[in-house]
């Protein structure tokens, strides 16, 4: 039902309608008891005639009320008046992320600033066992000071609005009973993970997929998966590869890799935890290394994580103990204590990292670094001094 300005719902007085979607109509209202403005999300009439659905929704709302984080839109409670039920929500001023993306691709720094906050919100919710299930730009508000507020956490679980065959990419939160009776498809077509689109059980990795889609749209200013109908959009999600050529030139390799790993169709190959994505965006897996002099030198990621890394370690050991030992000895004794430095290899041989592991090893005396690097699509192994000079290519794969 629609509410006109002046309508009272308990202690709340409606002042204006501010939106609507698959989860119901949203109004700005005044809390006459606490003298504050709130948002009222009036639930669809279907909830009123289905006691089981209403009970489930109220139970979910209680769980969501336990979330307390600066990047999550707060739920204050549920208000009932006659046949009307409404969620009482934090009123958040500002455009949605969808509005910002519609203006075009964002600079990388701006996209990262917003994406980090979204990841923070997801991480807090996931730690409490709450999956969003409907993360999309329209469910993210951006305040004037740049603060992100993620809305509607977990509410998609209770939504049962009918799917529309029009406007697939813009389709609201929806549910479709799968013909195979495997489960319910709940979410928004363009942001569903493939397993979610198939009606399979989902876990937090579905949110990670949606996060990857949102991040890619921020970087490109365009839809990742699109179609004239919801069905066509779902087909694109399950079968079509994102257009990676749209990514901006000069995108940092760790961010490029993060987006791709979030959008792996096989959940087991996807980034497993949004906390890992958050750390990658904060630079936790970049090339700044701390080396302690002495018998051992430690890189921040285990060297055995990839086959190429093992080859680097073996070749570096040969370099240290074999024919190149004279090169180390010429440098004289290494002072004791802690050395800090950043590796800056030449542009012709950039380090080959992923967001979660790296291919390098440091000589015991801290003066030489062996690393793998991709050049023209081939992986080769190099050795260079810790000062970034005297780069020596050890392999030359065709």
Protein backbone atom coordinates (compact mmCIF):
# COMPACT_ATOMS: atom_id res chain seq x y z
CA UNK A 1 0.00 0.00 0.00
CA UNK A 2 1.13 3.58 -0.67
CA UNK A 3 1.41 6.08 2.16
CA UNK A 4 0.80 9.79 1.67
CA UNK A 5 2.66 12.53 3.57
CA UNK A 6 1.16 13.01 7.02
CA UNK A 7 0.22 9.34 7.43
CA UNK A 8 1.13 7.99 10.87
CA UNK A 9 2.61 4.56 11.38
CA UNK A 10 2.97 4.20 15.13
CA UNK A 11 5.20 7.05 16.31
CA UNK A 12 6.44 7.69 12.76
CA UNK A 13 4.94 10.38 10.53
CA UNK A 14 5.53 9.97 6.80
CA UNK A 15 7.02 13.04 5.12
CA UNK A 16 7.89 11.83 1.60
CA UNK A 17 8.25 8.79 -0.62
CA UNK A 18 11.91 8.22 -1.52
CA UNK A 19 11.98 4.92 -3.42
CA UNK A 20 10.61 1.49 -4.14
CA UNK A 21 11.82 -1.94 -5.16
CA UNK A 22 11.23 -5.65 -4.87
CA UNK A 23 11.32 -5.39 -1.07
CA UNK A 24 8.63 -2.70 -0.89
CA UNK A 25 8.20 1.06 -0.92
CA UNK A 26 10.52 3.33 1.07
CA UNK A 27 9.45 6.54 2.79
CA UNK A 28 11.15 9.25 4.77
CA UNK A 29 9.44 9.69 8.12
CA UNK A 30 9.83 11.61 11.35
CA UNK A 31 10.24 9.79 14.63
CA UNK A 32 7.96 11.95 16.79
CA UNK A 33 9.33 10.44 20.00
CA UNK A 34 13.07 10.83 19.40
CA UNK A 35 12.84 13.78 16.96
CA UNK A 36 14.90 12.17 14.22
CA UNK A 37 14.34 11.30 10.57
CA UNK A 38 14.24 7.63 9.57
CA UNK A 39 13.45 5.54 6.53
CA UNK A 40 10.39 3.28 6.56
CA UNK A 41 10.43 0.30 4.22
CA UNK A 42 6.82 -0.86 3.92
CA UNK A 43 6.67 -4.57 3.24
CA UNK A 44 4.69 -5.90 0.26
CA UNK A 45 1.13 -7.02 0.90
CA UNK A 46 2.19 -10.61 0.14
CA UNK A 47 3.91 -10.66 3.52
CA UNK A 48 0.69 -9.84 5.30
CA UNK A 49 -1.17 -12.89 3.96
CA UNK A 50 1.66 -15.36 4.60
CA UNK A 51 2.29 -15.74 8.37
CA UNK A 52 5.24 -18.09 7.79
CA UNK A 53 6.99 -15.60 5.51
CA UNK A 54 6.33 -12.73 7.91
CA UNK A 55 7.69 -14.73 10.85
CA UNK A 56 10.82 -15.60 8.87
CA UNK A 57 11.31 -11.97 7.90
CA UNK A 58 10.94 -10.76 11.48
CA UNK A 59 13.44 -13.37 12.65
CA UNK A 60 15.91 -12.25 10.00
CA UNK A 61 15.44 -8.60 10.96
CA UNK A 62 16.35 -9.41 14.57
CA UNK A 63 19.61 -10.98 13.42
CA UNK A 64 20.40 -7.99 11.21
CA UNK A 65 19.73 -5.60 14.08
CA UNK A 66 22.77 -7.11 15.80
CA UNK A 67 25.06 -5.69 13.08
CA UNK A 68 26.73 -2.50 14.22
CA UNK A 69 29.23 -1.11 11.73
CA UNK A 70 29.81 2.35 10.21
CA UNK A 71 29.50 0.94 6.66
CA UNK A 72 26.22 -0.93 7.24
CA UNK A 73 22.84 0.79 7.18
CA UNK A 74 21.27 0.25 10.60
CA UNK A 75 17.92 -1.39 11.27
CA UNK A 76 16.13 0.25 14.19
CA UNK A 77 13.14 -2.07 14.38
CA UNK A 78 9.82 -3.19 12.91
CA UNK A 79 6.68 -1.08 13.16
CA UNK A 80 3.14 -2.39 12.65
CA UNK A 81 -0.10 -0.48 12.27
CA UNK A 82 -3.22 -2.29 11.17
CA UNK A 83 -2.41 -4.29 8.05
CA UNK A 84 0.85 -2.41 7.43
CA UNK A 85 4.28 -3.70 8.46
CA UNK A 86 7.41 -1.61 7.96
CA UNK A 87 11.09 -1.84 8.72
CA UNK A 88 12.46 1.21 10.52
CA UNK A 89 15.85 1.95 8.97
CA UNK A 90 18.63 4.50 9.27
CA UNK A 91 17.96 7.37 6.87
CA UNK A 92 21.05 7.82 4.68
CA UNK A 93 21.41 10.91 2.53
CA UNK A 94 23.29 10.80 -0.74
CA UNK A 95 23.24 9.01 -4.10
CA UNK A 96 23.52 5.29 -4.60
CA UNK A 97 26.62 3.71 -6.04
CA UNK A 98 24.50 2.96 -9.12
CA UNK A 99 24.05 6.72 -9.62
CA UNK A 100 27.80 7.24 -9.38
CA UNK A 101 28.61 4.42 -11.82
CA UNK A 102 26.12 5.89 -14.30
CA UNK A 103 28.41 8.94 -14.52
CA UNK A 104 31.22 6.79 -15.94
CA UNK A 105 34.28 4.85 -14.87
CA UNK A 106 35.83 5.91 -11.57
CA UNK A 107 39.49 6.69 -11.03
CA UNK A 108 41.22 3.68 -9.47
CA UNK A 109 41.82 5.49 -6.18
CA UNK A 110 38.15 6.42 -5.81
CA UNK A 111 36.97 2.91 -6.71
CA UNK A 112 39.38 1.42 -4.17
CA UNK A 113 38.24 3.81 -1.44
CA UNK A 114 34.63 2.73 -1.89
CA UNK A 115 35.40 -0.95 -2.46
CA UNK A 116 37.43 -1.18 0.75
CA UNK A 117 34.44 0.05 2.74
CA UNK A 118 32.10 -2.43 1.05
CA UNK A 119 34.55 -5.21 1.87
CA UNK A 120 34.69 -4.06 5.51
CA UNK A 121 30.90 -4.27 5.74
CA UNK A 122 30.77 -7.72 4.14
CA UNK A 123 33.52 -9.03 6.39
CA UNK A 124 31.72 -7.99 9.58
CA UNK A 125 28.48 -9.57 8.40
CA UNK A 126 30.14 -12.78 7.24
CA UNK A 127 31.84 -13.15 10.62
CA UNK A 128 28.36 -13.27 12.13
CA UNK A 129 27.11 -15.76 9.55
CA UNK A 130 25.05 -13.22 7.60
CA UNK A 131 25.21 -13.31 3.79
CA UNK A 132 23.90 -10.33 1.86
CA UNK A 133 22.66 -12.31 -1.19
CA UNK A 134 21.70 -9.12 -3.05
CA UNK A 135 24.79 -6.90 -3.12
CA UNK A 136 24.52 -4.44 -6.01
CA UNK A 137 25.25 -0.75 -6.63
CA UNK A 138 21.62 0.18 -5.92
CA UNK A 139 22.02 -1.26 -2.41
CA UNK A 140 25.06 0.89 -1.63
CA UNK A 141 24.74 4.54 -0.60
CA UNK A 142 27.64 7.00 -0.81
CA UNK A 143 27.40 9.93 1.61
CA UNK A 144 28.77 13.37 0.83
CA UNK A 145 31.90 12.71 2.92
CA UNK A 146 32.65 9.51 0.96
CA UNK A 147 31.34 7.13 3.62
CA UNK A 148 29.75 4.00 2.17
CA UNK A 149 26.61 2.47 3.63
CA UNK A 150 25.61 -1.02 2.47
CA UNK A 151 21.85 -1.53 2.70
CA UNK A 152 19.47 -4.47 2.99
CA UNK A 153 21.88 -6.99 4.50
CA UNK A 154 20.37 -10.45 4.37
CA UNK A 155 16.90 -9.21 3.48
CA UNK A 156 16.98 -10.92 0.10
CA UNK A 157 16.62 -14.21 1.96
CA UNK A 158 13.09 -13.24 2.90
CA UNK A 159 12.13 -11.69 -0.44
CA UNK A 160 9.73 -13.50 -2.73
CA UNK A 161 8.80 -10.87 -5.31
CA UNK A 162 8.05 -12.39 -8.69
CA UNK A 163 10.72 -12.22 -11.38
CA UNK A 164 10.04 -9.95 -14.32
CA UNK A 165 10.90 -10.78 -17.91
CA UNK A 166 11.61 -7.12 -18.64
CA UNK A 167 14.60 -5.04 -17.71
CA UNK A 168 16.81 -7.99 -16.80
CA UNK A 169 19.89 -6.06 -15.74
CA UNK A 170 17.82 -3.63 -13.68
CA UNK A 171 15.46 -6.28 -12.33
CA UNK A 172 14.64 -5.90 -8.64
CA UNK A 173 15.33 -8.43 -5.95
CA UNK A 174 13.44 -11.52 -7.09
CA UNK A 175 12.94 -15.18 -6.53
CA UNK A 176 12.27 -17.96 -8.98
CA UNK A 177 11.41 -21.51 -8.00
CA UNK A 178 13.77 -23.69 -9.98
CA UNK A 179 12.20 -26.24 -12.28
CA UNK A 180 14.53 -28.83 -10.78
CA UNK A 181 13.30 -27.94 -7.28
CA UNK A 182 16.92 -27.47 -6.20
CA UNK A 183 15.99 -24.31 -4.37
CA UNK A 184 15.10 -20.68 -4.78
CA UNK A 185 16.91 -18.16 -6.97
CA UNK A 186 17.07 -15.03 -4.86
CA UNK A 187 18.82 -11.82 -5.79
CA UNK A 188 19.28 -9.47 -8.75
CA UNK A 189 20.11 -11.15 -12.05
CA UNK A 190 23.14 -9.06 -13.05
CA UNK A 191 24.89 -9.62 -9.71
CA UNK A 192 24.06 -13.24 -8.93
CA UNK A 193 26.87 -15.74 -8.62
CA UNK A 194 26.51 -18.64 -11.10
CA UNK A 195 25.63 -21.10 -8.33
CA UNK A 196 23.04 -18.65 -7.03
CA UNK A 197 21.51 -18.27 -10.50
CA UNK A 198 21.20 -22.07 -10.70
CA UNK A 199 19.25 -22.20 -7.45
CA UNK A 200 22.00 -24.04 -5.60
CA UNK A 201 22.78 -23.38 -1.92
CA UNK A 202 25.02 -20.36 -1.53
CA UNK A 203 27.59 -19.24 1.02
CA UNK A 204 29.67 -16.10 1.46
CA UNK A 205 31.42 -16.72 -1.85
CA UNK A 206 28.23 -15.57 -3.59
CA UNK A 207 28.76 -12.17 -1.97
CA UNK A 208 32.40 -12.23 -3.12
CA UNK A 209 31.24 -12.75 -6.71
CA UNK A 210 28.82 -9.82 -6.40
CA UNK A 211 31.61 -7.72 -4.89
CA UNK A 212 33.78 -8.52 -7.93
CA UNK A 213 30.99 -7.47 -10.29
CA UNK A 214 30.45 -4.20 -8.41
CA UNK A 215 34.20 -3.45 -8.36
CA UNK A 216 34.53 -4.17 -12.08
CA UNK A 217 31.57 -1.88 -12.84
CA UNK A 218 33.16 0.90 -10.77
CA UNK A 219 36.40 0.56 -12.75
CA UNK A 220 34.73 0.43 -16.17
CA UNK A 221 31.53 2.43 -15.72
CA UNK A 222 29.61 -0.27 -17.58
CA UNK A 223 27.52 -3.34 -16.86
CA UNK A 224 29.45 -6.58 -16.59
CA UNK A 225 26.49 -8.84 -17.37
CA UNK A 226 23.56 -7.45 -19.32
CA UNK A 227 20.50 -8.64 -21.19
CA UNK A 228 17.11 -7.46 -22.34
CA UNK A 229 15.39 -9.85 -19.95
CA UNK A 230 16.21 -11.39 -16.61
CA UNK A 231 16.62 -14.77 -18.32
CA UNK A 232 19.15 -13.39 -20.82
CA UNK A 233 21.07 -11.72 -18.01
CA UNK A 234 21.20 -14.95 -16.00
CA UNK A 235 22.44 -16.76 -19.11
CA UNK A 236 25.23 -14.21 -19.46
CA UNK A 237 26.19 -14.69 -15.81
CA UNK A 238 26.47 -18.45 -16.25
CA UNK A 239 28.10 -18.54 -19.70
CA UNK A 240 29.65 -15.22 -20.74
CA UNK A 241 33.15 -14.09 -19.77
CA UNK A 242 33.45 -10.46 -18.58
CA UNK A 243 35.01 -8.10 -21.11
CA UNK A 244 38.41 -7.76 -19.45
CA UNK A 245 39.56 -5.36 -22.17
CA UNK A 246 37.44 -2.69 -20.50
CA UNK A 247 39.74 -2.56 -17.49
CA UNK A 248 41.69 0.71 -17.38
CA UNK A 249 45.26 0.69 -18.63
CA UNK A 250 47.82 0.76 -15.87
CA UNK A 251 45.59 -1.01 -13.36
CA UNK A 252 47.86 -2.39 -10.60
CA UNK A 253 48.48 -6.12 -11.17
CA UNK A 254 47.25 -7.11 -7.71
CA UNK A 255 43.92 -5.31 -8.28
CA UNK A 256 43.57 -6.78 -11.78
CA UNK A 257 44.11 -10.23 -10.36
CA UNK A 258 41.73 -9.63 -7.45
CA UNK A 259 38.84 -8.75 -9.75
CA UNK A 260 39.46 -11.86 -11.85
CA UNK A 261 39.71 -14.13 -8.82
CA UNK A 262 36.44 -12.76 -7.41
CA UNK A 263 34.74 -13.61 -10.72
CA UNK A 264 35.78 -17.26 -10.98
CA UNK A 265 32.64 -19.20 -11.91
CA UNK A 266 33.72 -22.23 -9.91
CA UNK A 267 33.27 -21.27 -6.23
CA UNK A 268 36.26 -23.38 -5.19
CA UNK A 269 38.52 -21.28 -7.44
CA UNK A 270 37.11 -17.98 -6.18
CA UNK A 271 38.58 -15.81 -3.44
CA UNK A 272 37.38 -17.65 -0.34
CA UNK A 273 37.12 -14.81 2.14
CA UNK A 274 36.31 -11.15 1.66
CA UNK A 275 38.97 -10.42 4.28
CA UNK A 276 41.59 -11.59 1.77
CA UNK A 277 40.17 -9.15 -0.78
CA UNK A 278 40.28 -6.36 1.77
CA UNK A 279 43.92 -7.11 2.60
CA UNK A 280 44.84 -7.20 -1.11
CA UNK A 281 43.28 -3.77 -1.64
CA UNK A 282 45.22 -2.41 1.33
CA UNK A 283 48.45 -3.59 -0.31
CA UNK A 284 49.16 -6.53 1.97
CA UNK A 285 50.40 -8.62 -0.99
CA UNK A 286 52.49 -6.00 -2.79
CA UNK A 287 56.24 -6.10 -3.27
CA UNK A 288 57.56 -4.24 -0.23
CA UNK A 289 59.75 -6.75 1.62
CA UNK A 290 61.39 -6.75 5.06
CA UNK A 291 64.54 -8.83 5.27
CA UNK A 292 66.44 -9.76 8.42
CA UNK A 293 70.17 -10.38 7.86
CA UNK A 294 71.53 -13.68 9.10
CA UNK A 295 71.26 -17.33 8.16
CA UNK A 296 67.65 -17.05 7.07
CA UNK A 297 65.62 -14.52 5.11
CA UNK A 298 61.83 -14.62 5.19
CA UNK A 299 59.37 -13.47 2.53
CA UNK A 300 55.85 -12.76 3.76
CA UNK A 301 54.28 -15.62 1.75
CA UNK A 302 55.42 -19.29 1.79
CA UNK A 303 57.58 -20.00 -1.25
CA UNK A 304 56.07 -23.42 -1.84
CA UNK A 305 52.64 -22.08 -2.80
CA UNK A 306 53.31 -22.31 -6.54
CA UNK A 307 55.44 -24.56 -8.75
CA UNK A 308 57.30 -21.59 -10.23
CA UNK A 309 58.12 -20.43 -6.72
CA UNK A 310 59.76 -23.80 -6.01
CA UNK A 311 61.87 -23.41 -9.14
CA UNK A 312 62.89 -19.92 -8.02
CA UNK A 313 63.93 -21.25 -4.63
CA UNK A 314 65.99 -24.07 -6.14
CA UNK A 315 67.75 -21.84 -8.65
CA UNK A 316 68.40 -19.19 -6.01
CA UNK A 317 69.96 -21.81 -3.77
CA UNK A 318 72.22 -22.86 -6.62
CA UNK A 319 73.17 -19.27 -7.21
CA UNK A 320 73.99 -18.76 -3.53
CA UNK A 321 75.98 -21.99 -3.08
CA UNK A 322 77.41 -22.50 -6.56
CA UNK A 323 79.01 -20.61 -9.39
CA UNK A 324 77.60 -17.22 -8.42
CA UNK A 325 78.92 -17.32 -4.85
CA UNK A 326 81.78 -15.07 -5.90
CA UNK A 327 79.27 -12.33 -6.66
CA UNK A 328 77.95 -12.38 -3.10
CA UNK A 329 81.44 -12.45 -1.57
CA UNK A 330 82.54 -9.40 -3.52
CA UNK A 331 79.96 -7.30 -1.72
CA UNK A 332 81.77 -7.69 1.61
CA UNK A 333 80.23 -8.34 5.02
CA UNK A 334 76.62 -7.42 5.62
CA UNK A 335 75.91 -5.29 8.65
CA UNK A 336 73.84 -6.92 11.35
CA UNK A 337 70.39 -5.72 12.22
CA UNK A 338 67.26 -5.08 10.13
CA UNK A 339 67.21 -3.93 6.51
CA UNK A 340 64.12 -2.48 4.81
CA UNK A 341 63.84 -1.89 1.10
CA UNK A 342 61.33 -1.94 -1.77
CA UNK A 343 61.96 -4.07 -4.85
CA UNK A 344 61.64 -2.00 -8.04
CA UNK A 345 62.59 -4.25 -10.97
CA UNK A 346 62.91 -2.82 -14.49
CA UNK A 347 59.73 -2.40 -16.53
CA UNK A 348 60.89 -5.11 -18.93
CA UNK A 349 60.74 -7.69 -16.14
CA UNK A 350 57.93 -6.80 -13.69
CA UNK A 351 57.37 -9.11 -10.75
CA UNK A 352 54.71 -11.73 -11.34
CA UNK A 353 52.44 -11.70 -8.28
CA UNK A 354 48.91 -12.74 -7.49
CA UNK A 355 46.84 -11.28 -4.67
CA UNK A 356 47.62 -14.24 -2.43
CA UNK A 357 51.13 -15.47 -3.28
CA UNK A 358 54.38 -14.35 -4.86
CA UNK A 359 57.34 -15.83 -6.68
CA UNK A 360 60.56 -14.67 -5.10
CA UNK A 361 63.28 -15.76 -2.70
CA UNK A 362 66.07 -13.78 -1.03
CA UNK A 363 69.66 -14.94 -0.58
CA UNK A 364 70.75 -15.72 3.00
CA UNK A 365 72.90 -12.58 3.18
CA UNK A 366 70.06 -10.38 1.91
CA UNK A 367 72.00 -9.00 -1.07
CA UNK A 368 70.44 -10.97 -3.96
CA UNK A 369 66.85 -11.63 -4.98
CA UNK A 370 65.64 -14.37 -7.32
CA UNK A 371 62.15 -13.94 -8.77
CA UNK A 372 59.88 -15.11 -11.56
CA UNK A 373 58.38 -12.64 -13.98
CA UNK A 374 56.01 -12.76 -16.94
CA UNK A 375 57.25 -11.13 -20.11
CA UNK A 376 55.37 -11.53 -23.39
CA UNK A 377 53.24 -14.12 -21.61
CA UNK A 378 56.18 -16.38 -20.67
CA UNK A 379 57.42 -16.95 -17.13
CA UNK A 380 61.20 -16.63 -16.65
CA UNK A 381 63.46 -16.51 -13.62
CA UNK A 382 65.74 -13.58 -12.81
CA UNK A 383 68.32 -12.69 -10.16
CA UNK A 384 69.08 -9.11 -9.19
CA UNK A 385 70.78 -7.17 -6.40
CA UNK A 386 68.72 -5.89 -3.49
CA UNK A 387 69.42 -2.40 -4.79
CA UNK A 388 67.50 -3.23 -7.98
CA UNK A 389 70.61 -3.34 -10.17
CA UNK A 390 72.52 -6.05 -12.02
CA UNK A 391 69.48 -7.99 -13.24
CA UNK A 392 70.47 -11.43 -14.58
CA UNK A 393 68.02 -13.57 -16.56
CA UNK A 394 68.50 -17.25 -15.69
CA UNK A 395 65.90 -18.85 -17.98
CA UNK A 396 64.49 -18.10 -21.39
CA UNK A 397 61.28 -20.03 -21.95
CA UNK A 398 60.01 -19.80 -25.52
